[in-house]
Every structure is written in C-alpha cells, then in structure tokens.
Amino acid sequence: MSTRQPFAADKRHSRYQFLDFTLDLDAGFLYRGSHEVPLRPKAFEVLTYLVERQGRLVGKDELIEAIWPDAAVTDNSLSQCLKDLRRALSDEEQEVIRTVARRGYVFAAPVTRRP
C-alpha cells in the first residue's frame, strides 16, 4: 500500500480560467460563465491535475498515481472519468483534453491563473 497522499491542488492559485470556464479550487466547482458545471470529486481532481500541467503530456500511470494513490484503478475507470470531463467541457472533438495514443493526455486549451 502506498504512503503517498492524494493529489492536492496548488493553493497558490485558487482559480484557473480557460475558454469560457473557471475552475475554482477554493470553492471546489467548475463554472461555465456564471453557471456551475457538475463534476464528481475525482473528475474535478483529474481536471485540476491536467489544467495545472497545461500543455504537458501526463501519462496514464502518473495520473492514476496522483489521483488514486491507494486504489486499483482500471483503464476503463480512467476512460469513464475523462469521458465525463469531456462531456462537461463540451469537448467531443478532444481539442481541450487531447489523448495521445498509448501515452496519456494533454490539456491543450490556454489557461490563465487567477488568485
């Protein structure tokens, strides 16, 4: 069993903006404009992890270890989580969260950090 702590978002920046979304880490919500976009807790953590690494390839193993450090997670579980995120972001074309075959994922949208 791993002794690693679950992924904790970077608290120096409490909000990230991309496209017409705001990811508010302090409140724990994703907003599109002024409307809350419902996300399950793990989906929120995955989105935060990817947004904070915008433009960088995040491997599947890295993502699983960061978000589910003490759990056995299948590729299907991760795929479902990403499917939920893409639906929430209206990213059917996978232009925001890009899949790099057999390697991982890249959050491709430009991100602005806000305190």
PDB file of N, CA and C in Angstrom:
ATOM      1  N   MET A   1       0.833  -1.176   0.000  1.00  0.00           N
ATOM      2  CA  MET A   1       0.000   0.000   0.000  1.00  0.00           C
ATOM      3  C   MET A   1       0.886   1.251   0.000  1.00  0.00           C
ATOM      4  N   SER A   2       0.566   2.197  -0.839  1.00  0.00           N
ATOM      5  CA  SER A   2       1.359   3.409  -0.977  1.00  0.00           C
ATOM      6  C   SER A   2       1.161   4.337   0.217  1.00  0.00           C
ATOM      7  N   THR A   3       2.211   5.073   0.546  1.00  0.00           N
ATOM      8  CA  THR A   3       2.108   6.056   1.613  1.00  0.00           C
ATOM      9  C   THR A   3       1.931   7.455   1.049  1.00  0.00           C
ATOM     10  N   ARG A   4       1.827   7.568  -0.267  1.00  0.00           N
ATOM     11  CA  ARG A   4       1.639   8.876  -0.898  1.00  0.00           C
ATOM     12  C   ARG A   4       0.283   9.434  -0.545  1.00  0.00           C
ATOM     13  N   GLN A   5       0.240  10.731  -0.410  1.00  0.00           N
ATOM     14  CA  GLN A   5      -1.020  11.415  -0.151  1.00  0.00           C
ATOM     15  C   GLN A   5      -1.729  11.651  -1.484  1.00  0.00           C
ATOM     16  N   PRO A   6      -3.070  11.699  -1.477  1.00  0.00           N
ATOM     17  CA  PRO A   6      -3.784  12.018  -2.708  1.00  0.00           C
ATOM     18  C   PRO A   6      -3.346  13.382  -3.227  1.00  0.00           C
ATOM     19  N   PHE A   7      -3.510  13.576  -4.514  1.00  0.00           N
ATOM     20  CA  PHE A   7      -3.141  14.816  -5.174  1.00  0.00           C
ATOM     21  C   PHE A   7      -3.794  16.006  -4.480  1.00  0.00           C
ATOM     22  N   ALA A   8      -3.017  17.028  -4.209  1.00  0.00           N
ATOM     23  CA  ALA A   8      -3.537  18.273  -3.636  1.00  0.00           C
ATOM     24  C   ALA A   8      -3.244  19.389  -4.627  1.00  0.00           C
ATOM     25  N   ALA A   9      -4.260  20.147  -4.964  1.00  0.00           N
ATOM     26  CA  ALA A   9      -4.112  21.230  -5.927  1.00  0.00           C
ATOM     27  C   ALA A   9      -3.175  22.304  -5.387  1.00  0.00           C
ATOM     28  N   ASP A  10      -2.540  23.017  -6.286  1.00  0.00           N
ATOM     29  CA  ASP A  10      -1.648  24.112  -5.947  1.00  0.00           C
ATOM     30  C   ASP A  10      -2.474  25.254  -5.360  1.00  0.00           C
ATOM     31  N   LYS A  11      -2.341  25.503  -4.055  1.00  0.00           N
ATOM     32  CA  LYS A  11      -3.165  26.502  -3.385  1.00  0.00           C
ATOM     33  C   LYS A  11      -2.693  27.938  -3.615  1.00  0.00           C
ATOM     34  N   ARG A  12      -1.552  28.127  -4.273  1.00  0.00           N
ATOM     35  CA  ARG A  12      -1.106  29.489  -4.563  1.00  0.00           C
ATOM     36  C   ARG A  12      -2.009  30.163  -5.580  1.00  0.00           C
ATOM     37  N   HIS A  13      -2.695  29.392  -6.370  1.00  0.00           N
ATOM     38  CA  HIS A  13      -3.591  29.913  -7.397  1.00  0.00           C
ATOM     39  C   HIS A  13      -4.942  29.250  -7.198  1.00  0.00           C
ATOM     40  N   SER A  14      -5.903  30.002  -6.763  1.00  0.00           N
ATOM     41  CA  SER A  14      -7.178  29.399  -6.414  1.00  0.00           C
ATOM     42  C   SER A  14      -8.131  29.248  -7.593  1.00  0.00           C
ATOM     43  N   ARG A  15      -7.854  29.934  -8.706  1.00  0.00           N
ATOM     44  CA  ARG A  15      -8.739  29.817  -9.862  1.00  0.00           C
ATOM     45  C   ARG A  15      -7.940  29.752 -11.163  1.00  0.00           C
ATOM     46  N   TYR A  16      -8.464  28.958 -12.066  1.00  0.00           N
ATOM     47  CA  TYR A  16      -7.906  28.866 -13.413  1.00  0.00           C
ATOM     48  C   TYR A  16      -9.020  29.174 -14.398  1.00  0.00           C
ATOM     49  N   GLN A  17      -8.703  29.942 -15.425  1.00  0.00           N
ATOM     50  CA  GLN A  17      -9.675  30.229 -16.471  1.00  0.00           C
ATOM     51  C   GLN A  17      -9.172  29.663 -17.785  1.00  0.00           C
ATOM     52  N   PHE A  18     -10.097  29.034 -18.527  1.00  0.00           N
ATOM     53  CA  PHE A  18      -9.807  28.521 -19.862  1.00  0.00           C
ATOM     54  C   PHE A  18     -11.114  28.513 -20.633  1.00  0.00           C
ATOM     55  N   LEU A  19     -11.006  28.869 -21.911  1.00  0.00           N
ATOM     56  CA  LEU A  19     -12.193  29.014 -22.752  1.00  0.00           C
ATOM     57  C   LEU A  19     -13.208  29.865 -21.993  1.00  0.00           C
ATOM     58  N   ASP A  20     -14.445  29.398 -21.827  1.00  0.00           N
ATOM     59  CA  ASP A  20     -15.414  30.172 -21.043  1.00  0.00           C
ATOM     60  C   ASP A  20     -15.678  29.513 -19.688  1.00  0.00           C
ATOM     61  N   PHE A  21     -14.676  28.790 -19.180  1.00  0.00           N
ATOM     62  CA  PHE A  21     -14.773  28.079 -17.906  1.00  0.00           C
ATOM     63  C   PHE A  21     -13.874  28.719 -16.848  1.00  0.00           C
ATOM     64  N   THR A  22     -14.302  28.574 -15.600  1.00  0.00           N
ATOM     65  CA  THR A  22     -13.482  28.923 -14.445  1.00  0.00           C
ATOM     66  C   THR A  22     -13.448  27.704 -13.541  1.00  0.00           C
ATOM     67  N   LEU A  23     -12.247  27.256 -13.225  1.00  0.00           N
ATOM     68  CA  LEU A  23     -12.045  26.151 -12.297  1.00  0.00           C
ATOM     69  C   LEU A  23     -11.654  26.780 -10.963  1.00  0.00           C
ATOM     70  N   ASP A  24     -12.571  26.772 -10.008  1.00  0.00           N
ATOM     71  CA  ASP A  24     -12.372  27.426  -8.719  1.00  0.00           C
ATOM     72  C   ASP A  24     -11.962  26.368  -7.695  1.00  0.00           C
ATOM     73  N   LEU A  25     -10.676  26.342  -7.358  1.00  0.00           N
ATOM     74  CA  LEU A  25     -10.161  25.324  -6.445  1.00  0.00           C
ATOM     75  C   LEU A  25     -10.631  25.531  -5.019  1.00  0.00           C
ATOM     76  N   ASP A  26     -10.748  26.775  -4.577  1.00  0.00           N
ATOM     77  CA  ASP A  26     -11.189  27.041  -3.207  1.00  0.00           C
ATOM     78  C   ASP A  26     -12.635  26.601  -2.998  1.00  0.00           C
ATOM     79  N   ALA A  27     -13.500  26.916  -3.939  1.00  0.00           N
ATOM     80  CA  ALA A  27     -14.913  26.550  -3.820  1.00  0.00           C
ATOM     81  C   ALA A  27     -15.142  25.088  -4.200  1.00  0.00           C
ATOM     82  N   GLY A  28     -14.252  24.539  -5.037  1.00  0.00           N
ATOM     83  CA  GLY A  28     -14.408  23.155  -5.472  1.00  0.00           C
ATOM     84  C   GLY A  28     -15.407  22.983  -6.593  1.00  0.00           C
ATOM     85  N   PHE A  29     -15.526  24.010  -7.450  1.00  0.00           N
ATOM     86  CA  PHE A  29     -16.502  23.961  -8.533  1.00  0.00           C
ATOM     87  C   PHE A  29     -15.879  24.358  -9.861  1.00  0.00           C
ATOM     88  N   LEU A  30     -16.496  23.859 -10.919  1.00  0.00           N
ATOM     89  CA  LEU A  30     -16.216  24.296 -12.279  1.00  0.00           C
ATOM     90  C   LEU A  30     -17.412  25.119 -12.723  1.00  0.00           C
ATOM     91  N   TYR A  31     -17.132  26.298 -13.287  1.00  0.00           N
ATOM     92  CA  TYR A  31     -18.200  27.166 -13.782  1.00  0.00           C
ATOM     93  C   TYR A  31     -18.021  27.394 -15.271  1.00  0.00           C
ATOM     94  N   ARG A  32     -19.145  27.462 -15.965  1.00  0.00           N
ATOM     95  CA  ARG A  32     -19.156  27.920 -17.356  1.00  0.00           C
ATOM     96  C   ARG A  32     -19.909  29.229 -17.324  1.00  0.00           C
ATOM     97  N   GLY A  33     -19.184  30.318 -17.489  1.00  0.00           N
ATOM     98  CA  GLY A  33     -19.785  31.624 -17.250  1.00  0.00           C
ATOM     99  C   GLY A  33     -20.141  31.699 -15.773  1.00  0.00           C
ATOM    100  N   SER A  34     -21.403  31.965 -15.464  1.00  0.00           N
ATOM    101  CA  SER A  34     -21.838  32.033 -14.065  1.00  0.00           C
ATOM    102  C   SER A  34     -22.557  30.765 -13.618  1.00  0.00           C
ATOM    103  N   HIS A  35     -22.618  29.765 -14.483  1.00  0.00           N
ATOM    104  CA  HIS A  35     -23.345  28.529 -14.179  1.00  0.00           C
ATOM    105  C   HIS A  35     -22.393  27.423 -13.738  1.00  0.00           C
ATOM    106  N   GLU A  36     -22.755  26.751 -12.647  1.00  0.00           N
ATOM    107  CA  GLU A  36     -21.959  25.638 -12.158  1.00  0.00           C
ATOM    108  C   GLU A  36     -22.098  24.443 -13.093  1.00  0.00           C
ATOM    109  N   VAL A  37     -20.981  23.804 -13.380  1.00  0.00           N
ATOM    110  CA  VAL A  37     -20.959  22.580 -14.172  1.00  0.00           C
ATOM    111  C   VAL A  37     -20.705  21.435 -13.189  1.00  0.00           C
ATOM    112  N   PRO A  38     -21.686  20.553 -12.996  1.00  0.00           N
ATOM    113  CA  PRO A  38     -21.494  19.485 -12.004  1.00  0.00           C
ATOM    114  C   PRO A  38     -20.417  18.490 -12.431  1.00  0.00           C
ATOM    115  N   LEU A  39     -19.544  18.183 -11.476  1.00  0.00           N
ATOM    116  CA  LEU A  39     -18.495  17.178 -11.673  1.00  0.00           C
ATOM    117  C   LEU A  39     -18.406  16.318 -10.423  1.00  0.00           C
ATOM    118  N   ARG A  40     -18.141  15.046 -10.630  1.00  0.00           N
ATOM    119  CA  ARG A  40     -17.865  14.180  -9.491  1.00  0.00           C
ATOM    120  C   ARG A  40     -16.495  14.561  -8.908  1.00  0.00           C
ATOM    121  N   PRO A  41     -16.266  14.263  -7.626  1.00  0.00           N
ATOM    122  CA  PRO A  41     -14.998  14.677  -6.999  1.00  0.00           C
ATOM    123  C   PRO A  41     -13.743  14.221  -7.738  1.00  0.00           C
ATOM    124  N   LYS A  42     -13.683  12.979  -8.184  1.00  0.00           N
ATOM    125  CA  LYS A  42     -12.475  12.505  -8.876  1.00  0.00           C
ATOM    126  C   LYS A  42     -12.316  13.184 -10.230  1.00  0.00           C
ATOM    127  N   ALA A  43     -13.407  13.448 -10.906  1.00  0.00           N
ATOM    128  CA  ALA A  43     -13.334  14.160 -12.183  1.00  0.00           C
ATOM    129  C   ALA A  43     -12.780  15.572 -11.961  1.00  0.00           C
ATOM    130  N   PHE A  44     -13.215  16.220 -10.885  1.00  0.00           N
ATOM    131  CA  PHE A  44     -12.697  17.544 -10.541  1.00  0.00           C
ATOM    132  C   PHE A  44     -11.191  17.474 -10.289  1.00  0.00           C
ATOM    133  N   GLU A  45     -10.741  16.449  -9.566  1.00  0.00           N
ATOM    134  CA  GLU A  45      -9.310  16.292  -9.287  1.00  0.00           C
ATOM    135  C   GLU A  45      -8.511  16.032 -10.558  1.00  0.00           C
ATOM    136  N   VAL A  46      -9.040  15.201 -11.447  1.00  0.00           N
ATOM    137  CA  VAL A  46      -8.355  14.918 -12.715  1.00  0.00           C
ATOM    138  C   VAL A  46      -8.253  16.199 -13.533  1.00  0.00           C
ATOM    139  N   LEU A  47      -9.353  16.947 -13.625  1.00  0.00           N
ATOM    140  CA  LEU A  47      -9.331  18.197 -14.379  1.00  0.00           C
ATOM    141  C   LEU A  47      -8.300  19.160 -13.787  1.00  0.00           C
ATOM    142  N   THR A  48      -8.284  19.299 -12.483  1.00  0.00           N
ATOM    143  CA  THR A  48      -7.325  20.187 -11.817  1.00  0.00           C
ATOM    144  C   THR A  48      -5.892  19.756 -12.128  1.00  0.00           C
ATOM    145  N   TYR A  49      -5.635  18.461 -12.021  1.00  0.00           N
ATOM    146  CA  TYR A  49      -4.285  17.942 -12.284  1.00  0.00           C
ATOM    147  C   TYR A  49      -3.852  18.268 -13.716  1.00  0.00           C
ATOM    148  N   LEU A  50      -4.747  18.057 -14.667  1.00  0.00           N
ATOM    149  CA  LEU A  50      -4.407  18.320 -16.072  1.00  0.00           C
ATOM    150  C   LEU A  50      -4.256  19.814 -16.339  1.00  0.00           C
ATOM    151  N   VAL A  51      -5.159  20.627 -15.791  1.00  0.00           N
ATOM    152  CA  VAL A  51      -5.095  22.078 -16.004  1.00  0.00           C
ATOM    153  C   VAL A  51      -3.784  22.632 -15.448  1.00  0.00           C
ATOM    154  N   GLU A  52      -3.379  22.165 -14.266  1.00  0.00           N
ATOM    155  CA  GLU A  52      -2.140  22.660 -13.669  1.00  0.00           C
ATOM    156  C   GLU A  52      -0.896  22.216 -14.441  1.00  0.00           C
ATOM    157  N   ARG A  53      -1.057  21.294 -15.348  1.00  0.00           N
ATOM    158  CA  ARG A  53       0.051  20.825 -16.188  1.00  0.00           C
ATOM    159  C   ARG A  53      -0.246  21.113 -17.662  1.00  0.00           C
ATOM    160  N   GLN A  54      -0.974  22.164 -17.910  1.00  0.00           N
ATOM    161  CA  GLN A  54      -1.408  22.552 -19.248  1.00  0.00           C
ATOM    162  C   GLN A  54      -0.250  22.504 -20.234  1.00  0.00           C
ATOM    163  N   GLY A  55      -0.506  21.866 -21.374  1.00  0.00           N
ATOM    164  CA  GLY A  55       0.495  21.785 -22.431  1.00  0.00           C
ATOM    165  C   GLY A  55       1.498  20.658 -22.274  1.00  0.00           C
ATOM    166  N   ARG A  56       1.470  19.948 -21.141  1.00  0.00           N
ATOM    167  CA  ARG A  56       2.434  18.870 -20.884  1.00  0.00           C
ATOM    168  C   ARG A  56       1.729  17.518 -20.980  1.00  0.00           C
ATOM    169  N   LEU A  57       2.419  16.555 -21.565  1.00  0.00           N
ATOM    170  CA  LEU A  57       1.893  15.196 -21.625  1.00  0.00           C
ATOM    171  C   LEU A  57       1.878  14.602 -20.221  1.00  0.00           C
ATOM    172  N   VAL A  58       0.707  14.154 -19.787  1.00  0.00           N
ATOM    173  CA  VAL A  58       0.551  13.497 -18.488  1.00  0.00           C
ATOM    174  C   VAL A  58       0.242  12.038 -18.779  1.00  0.00           C
ATOM    175  N   GLY A  59       1.150  11.168 -18.383  1.00  0.00           N
ATOM    176  CA  GLY A  59       0.971   9.742 -18.621  1.00  0.00           C
ATOM    177  C   GLY A  59      -0.165   9.165 -17.784  1.00  0.00           C
ATOM    178  N   LYS A  60      -0.748   8.083 -18.280  1.00  0.00           N
ATOM    179  CA  LYS A  60      -1.839   7.420 -17.558  1.00  0.00           C
ATOM    180  C   LYS A  60      -1.397   6.997 -16.168  1.00  0.00           C
ATOM    181  N   ASP A  61      -0.211   6.399 -16.065  1.00  0.00           N
ATOM    182  CA  ASP A  61       0.271   5.935 -14.766  1.00  0.00           C
ATOM    183  C   ASP A  61       0.464   7.098 -13.797  1.00  0.00           C
ATOM    184  N   GLU A  62       1.005   8.204 -14.283  1.00  0.00           N
ATOM    185  CA  GLU A  62       1.190   9.395 -13.445  1.00  0.00           C
ATOM    186  C   GLU A  62      -0.149   9.901 -12.935  1.00  0.00           C
ATOM    187  N   LEU A  63      -1.130   9.966 -13.815  1.00  0.00           N
ATOM    188  CA  LEU A  63      -2.450  10.461 -13.455  1.00  0.00           C
ATOM    189  C   LEU A  63      -3.121   9.555 -12.432  1.00  0.00           C
ATOM    190  N   ILE A  64      -3.037   8.268 -12.649  1.00  0.00           N
ATOM    191  CA  ILE A  64      -3.639   7.309 -11.711  1.00  0.00           C
ATOM    192  C   ILE A  64      -2.964   7.392 -10.351  1.00  0.00           C
ATOM    193  N   GLU A  65      -1.643   7.453 -10.325  1.00  0.00           N
ATOM    194  CA  GLU A  65      -0.915   7.533  -9.055  1.00  0.00           C
ATOM    195  C   GLU A  65      -1.220   8.829  -8.315  1.00  0.00           C
ATOM    196  N   ALA A  66      -1.415   9.917  -9.051  1.00  0.00           N
ATOM    197  CA  ALA A  66      -1.693  11.211  -8.418  1.00  0.00           C
ATOM    198  C   ALA A  66      -3.106  11.282  -7.847  1.00  0.00           C
ATOM    199  N   ILE A  67      -4.064  10.733  -8.544  1.00  0.00           N
ATOM    200  CA  ILE A  67      -5.467  10.886  -8.149  1.00  0.00           C
ATOM    201  C   ILE A  67      -5.960   9.723  -7.299  1.00  0.00           C
ATOM    202  N   TRP A  68      -5.493   8.526  -7.594  1.00  0.00           N
ATOM    203  CA  TRP A  68      -5.915   7.320  -6.871  1.00  0.00           C
ATOM    204  C   TRP A  68      -4.686   6.592  -6.322  1.00  0.00           C
ATOM    205  N   PRO A  69      -3.926   7.205  -5.403  1.00  0.00           N
ATOM    206  CA  PRO A  69      -2.653   6.598  -4.987  1.00  0.00           C
ATOM    207  C   PRO A  69      -2.791   5.256  -4.267  1.00  0.00           C
ATOM    208  N   ASP A  70      -3.887   5.013  -3.613  1.00  0.00           N
ATOM    209  CA  ASP A  70      -4.044   3.785  -2.826  1.00  0.00           C
ATOM    210  C   ASP A  70      -5.147   2.879  -3.352  1.00  0.00           C
ATOM    211  N   ALA A  71      -5.497   3.031  -4.617  1.00  0.00           N
ATOM    212  CA  ALA A  71      -6.596   2.241  -5.171  1.00  0.00           C
ATOM    213  C   ALA A  71      -6.175   1.609  -6.485  1.00  0.00           C
ATOM    214  N   ALA A  72      -6.740   0.462  -6.748  1.00  0.00           N
ATOM    215  CA  ALA A  72      -6.530  -0.182  -8.045  1.00  0.00           C
ATOM    216  C   ALA A  72      -7.547   0.425  -9.011  1.00  0.00           C
ATOM    217  N   VAL A  73      -7.046   1.086 -10.033  1.00  0.00           N
ATOM    218  CA  VAL A  73      -7.915   1.768 -10.984  1.00  0.00           C
ATOM    219  C   VAL A  73      -7.686   1.163 -12.362  1.00  0.00           C
ATOM    220  N   THR A  74      -8.757   0.801 -13.015  1.00  0.00           N
ATOM    221  CA  THR A  74      -8.651   0.222 -14.348  1.00  0.00           C
ATOM    222  C   THR A  74      -8.604   1.318 -15.400  1.00  0.00           C
ATOM    223  N   ASP A  75      -8.121   0.968 -16.580  1.00  0.00           N
ATOM    224  CA  ASP A  75      -8.147   1.912 -17.699  1.00  0.00           C
ATOM    225  C   ASP A  75      -9.572   2.341 -17.988  1.00  0.00           C
ATOM    226  N   ASN A  76     -10.533   1.426 -17.789  1.00  0.00           N
ATOM    227  CA  ASN A  76     -11.931   1.754 -18.034  1.00  0.00           C
ATOM    228  C   ASN A  76     -12.419   2.852 -17.084  1.00  0.00           C
ATOM    229  N   SER A  77     -12.011   2.791 -15.810  1.00  0.00           N
ATOM    230  CA  SER A  77     -12.404   3.817 -14.843  1.00  0.00           C
ATOM    231  C   SER A  77     -11.840   5.181 -15.239  1.00  0.00           C
ATOM    232  N   LEU A  78     -10.583   5.198 -15.628  1.00  0.00           N
ATOM    233  CA  LEU A  78      -9.961   6.444 -16.070  1.00  0.00           C
ATOM    234  C   LEU A  78     -10.633   6.954 -17.334  1.00  0.00           C
ATOM    235  N   SER A  79     -10.905   6.076 -18.264  1.00  0.00           N
ATOM    236  CA  SER A  79     -11.581   6.467 -19.510  1.00  0.00           C
ATOM    237  C   SER A  79     -12.950   7.068 -19.229  1.00  0.00           C
ATOM    238  N   GLN A  80     -13.688   6.468 -18.288  1.00  0.00           N
ATOM    239  CA  GLN A  80     -15.014   6.990 -17.938  1.00  0.00           C
ATOM    240  C   GLN A  80     -14.906   8.376 -17.311  1.00  0.00           C
ATOM    241  N   CYS A  81     -13.913   8.563 -16.473  1.00  0.00           N
ATOM    242  CA  CYS A  81     -13.691   9.860 -15.849  1.00  0.00           C
ATOM    243  C   CYS A  81     -13.402  10.922 -16.924  1.00  0.00           C
ATOM    244  N   LEU A  82     -12.557  10.592 -17.878  1.00  0.00           N
ATOM    245  CA  LEU A  82     -12.235  11.533 -18.956  1.00  0.00           C
ATOM    246  C   LEU A  82     -13.435  11.768 -19.861  1.00  0.00           C
ATOM    247  N   LYS A  83     -14.237  10.741 -20.075  1.00  0.00           N
ATOM    248  CA  LYS A  83     -15.462  10.904 -20.864  1.00  0.00           C
ATOM    249  C   LYS A  83     -16.401  11.887 -20.176  1.00  0.00           C
ATOM    250  N   ASP A  84     -16.542  11.760 -18.851  1.00  0.00           N
ATOM    251  CA  ASP A  84     -17.374  12.685 -18.085  1.00  0.00           C
ATOM    252  C   ASP A  84     -16.843  14.119 -18.194  1.00  0.00           C
ATOM    253  N   LEU A  85     -15.524  14.279 -18.102  1.00  0.00           N
ATOM    254  CA  LEU A  85     -14.927  15.612 -18.221  1.00  0.00           C
ATOM    255  C   LEU A  85     -15.158  16.202 -19.607  1.00  0.00           C
ATOM    256  N   ARG A  86     -14.954  15.400 -20.615  1.00  0.00           N
ATOM    257  CA  ARG A  86     -15.154  15.907 -21.981  1.00  0.00           C
ATOM    258  C   ARG A  86     -16.600  16.311 -22.219  1.00  0.00           C
ATOM    259  N   ARG A  87     -17.520  15.557 -21.653  1.00  0.00           N
ATOM    260  CA  ARG A  87     -18.933  15.914 -21.763  1.00  0.00           C
ATOM    261  C   ARG A  87     -19.189  17.249 -21.057  1.00  0.00           C
ATOM    262  N   ALA A  88     -18.642  17.415 -19.859  1.00  0.00           N
ATOM    263  CA  ALA A  88     -18.830  18.645 -19.090  1.00  0.00           C
ATOM    264  C   ALA A  88     -18.225  19.855 -19.805  1.00  0.00           C
ATOM    265  N   LEU A  89     -17.128  19.635 -20.524  1.00  0.00           N
ATOM    266  CA  LEU A  89     -16.438  20.713 -21.233  1.00  0.00           C
ATOM    267  C   LEU A  89     -16.913  20.874 -22.674  1.00  0.00           C
ATOM    268  N   SER A  90     -17.900  20.073 -23.092  1.00  0.00           N
ATOM    269  CA  SER A  90     -18.362  20.072 -24.491  1.00  0.00           C
ATOM    270  C   SER A  90     -17.178  19.860 -25.427  1.00  0.00           C
ATOM    271  N   ASP A  91     -16.366  18.863 -25.100  1.00  0.00           N
ATOM    272  CA  ASP A  91     -15.120  18.589 -25.811  1.00  0.00           C
ATOM    273  C   ASP A  91     -15.206  17.278 -26.598  1.00  0.00           C
ATOM    274  N   GLU A  92     -16.257  17.110 -27.359  1.00  0.00           N
ATOM    275  CA  GLU A  92     -16.437  15.875 -28.120  1.00  0.00           C
ATOM    276  C   GLU A  92     -15.325  15.643 -29.131  1.00  0.00           C
ATOM    277  N   GLU A  93     -14.735  16.712 -29.636  1.00  0.00           N
ATOM    278  CA  GLU A  93     -13.662  16.599 -30.634  1.00  0.00           C
ATOM    279  C   GLU A  93     -12.286  16.396 -29.987  1.00  0.00           C
ATOM    280  N   GLN A  94     -12.243  16.341 -28.658  1.00  0.00           N
ATOM    281  CA  GLN A  94     -10.996  16.148 -27.910  1.00  0.00           C
ATOM    282  C   GLN A  94      -9.947  17.204 -28.259  1.00  0.00           C
ATOM    283  N   GLU A  95     -10.402  18.450 -28.311  1.00  0.00           N
ATOM    284  CA  GLU A  95      -9.486  19.553 -28.569  1.00  0.00           C
ATOM    285  C   GLU A  95      -9.001  20.201 -27.279  1.00  0.00           C
ATOM    286  N   VAL A  96      -9.751  20.026 -26.185  1.00  0.00           N
ATOM    287  CA  VAL A  96      -9.351  20.592 -24.896  1.00  0.00           C
ATOM    288  C   VAL A  96      -8.471  19.586 -24.157  1.00  0.00           C
ATOM    289  N   ILE A  97      -8.986  18.369 -23.988  1.00  0.00           N
ATOM    290  CA  ILE A  97      -8.202  17.284 -23.392  1.00  0.00           C
ATOM    291  C   ILE A  97      -7.873  16.310 -24.519  1.00  0.00           C
ATOM    292  N   ARG A  98      -6.650  16.388 -24.991  1.00  0.00           N
ATOM    293  CA  ARG A  98      -6.218  15.531 -26.101  1.00  0.00           C
ATOM    294  C   ARG A  98      -5.684  14.214 -25.579  1.00  0.00           C
ATOM    295  N   THR A  99      -6.048  13.140 -26.245  1.00  0.00           N
ATOM    296  CA  THR A  99      -5.493  11.828 -25.939  1.00  0.00           C
ATOM    297  C   THR A  99      -4.298  11.599 -26.854  1.00  0.00           C
ATOM    298  N   VAL A 100      -3.185  11.207 -26.264  1.00  0.00           N
ATOM    299  CA  VAL A 100      -2.004  10.821 -27.027  1.00  0.00           C
ATOM    300  C   VAL A 100      -1.942   9.297 -26.906  1.00  0.00           C
ATOM    301  N   ALA A 101      -2.211   8.629 -28.003  1.00  0.00           N
ATOM    302  CA  ALA A 101      -2.370   7.167 -28.011  1.00  0.00           C
ATOM    303  C   ALA A 101      -1.265   6.440 -27.245  1.00  0.00           C
ATOM    304  N   ARG A 102      -1.687   5.578 -26.328  1.00  0.00           N
ATOM    305  CA  ARG A 102      -0.818   4.715 -25.523  1.00  0.00           C
ATOM    306  C   ARG A 102       0.191   5.470 -24.658  1.00  0.00           C
ATOM    307  N   ARG A 103       0.002   6.796 -24.533  1.00  0.00           N
ATOM    308  CA  ARG A 103       0.957   7.581 -23.737  1.00  0.00           C
ATOM    309  C   ARG A 103       0.288   8.384 -22.642  1.00  0.00           C
ATOM    310  N   GLY A 104      -0.864   9.007 -22.920  1.00  0.00           N
ATOM    311  CA  GLY A 104      -1.503   9.819 -21.889  1.00  0.00           C
ATOM    312  C   GLY A 104      -2.370  10.912 -22.463  1.00  0.00           C
ATOM    313  N   TYR A 105      -2.362  12.059 -21.763  1.00  0.00           N
ATOM    314  CA  TYR A 105      -3.287  13.143 -22.072  1.00  0.00           C
ATOM    315  C   TYR A 105      -2.574  14.487 -21.978  1.00  0.00           C
ATOM    316  N   VAL A 106      -3.067  15.439 -22.783  1.00  0.00           N
ATOM    317  CA  VAL A 106      -2.561  16.807 -22.755  1.00  0.00           C
ATOM    318  C   VAL A 106      -3.755  17.739 -22.632  1.00  0.00           C
ATOM    319  N   PHE A 107      -3.720  18.642 -21.640  1.00  0.00           N
ATOM    320  CA  PHE A 107      -4.723  19.694 -21.569  1.00  0.00           C
ATOM    321  C   PHE A 107      -4.228  20.791 -22.501  1.00  0.00           C
ATOM    322  N   ALA A 108      -4.940  20.958 -23.636  1.00  0.00           N
ATOM    323  CA  ALA A 108      -4.427  21.784 -24.729  1.00  0.00           C
ATOM    324  C   ALA A 108      -4.954  23.214 -24.754  1.00  0.00           C
ATOM    325  N   ALA A 109      -6.021  23.522 -24.026  1.00  0.00           N
ATOM    326  CA  ALA A 109      -6.567  24.876 -24.041  1.00  0.00           C
ATOM    327  C   ALA A 109      -5.665  25.833 -23.266  1.00  0.00           C
ATOM    328  N   PRO A 110      -5.563  27.080 -23.721  1.00  0.00           N
ATOM    329  CA  PRO A 110      -4.794  28.064 -22.955  1.00  0.00           C
ATOM    330  C   PRO A 110      -5.431  28.286 -21.587  1.00  0.00           C
ATOM    331  N   VAL A 111      -4.589  28.426 -20.561  1.00  0.00           N
ATOM    332  CA  VAL A 111      -5.052  28.572 -19.176  1.00  0.00           C
ATOM    333  C   VAL A 111      -4.477  29.854 -18.587  1.00  0.00           C
ATOM    334  N   THR A 112      -5.322  30.599 -17.877  1.00  0.00           N
ATOM    335  CA  THR A 112      -4.899  31.774 -17.134  1.00  0.00           C
ATOM    336  C   THR A 112      -5.114  31.519 -15.653  1.00  0.00           C
ATOM    337  N   ARG A 113      -4.103  31.773 -14.845  1.00  0.00           N
ATOM    338  CA  ARG A 113      -4.213  31.605 -13.387  1.00  0.00           C
ATOM    339  C   ARG A 113      -4.704  32.902 -12.776  1.00  0.00           C
ATOM    340  N   ARG A 114      -5.613  32.765 -11.823  1.00  0.00           N
ATOM    341  CA  ARG A 114      -6.127  33.921 -11.090  1.00  0.00           C
ATOM    342  C   ARG A 114      -6.017  33.648  -9.592  1.00  0.00           C
ATOM    343  N   PRO A 115      -5.582  34.635  -8.820  1.00  0.00           N
ATOM    344  CA  PRO A 115      -5.503  34.432  -7.364  1.00  0.00           C
ATOM    345  C   PRO A 115      -6.895  34.380  -6.732  1.00  0.00           C
TER     346      PRO A 115
END
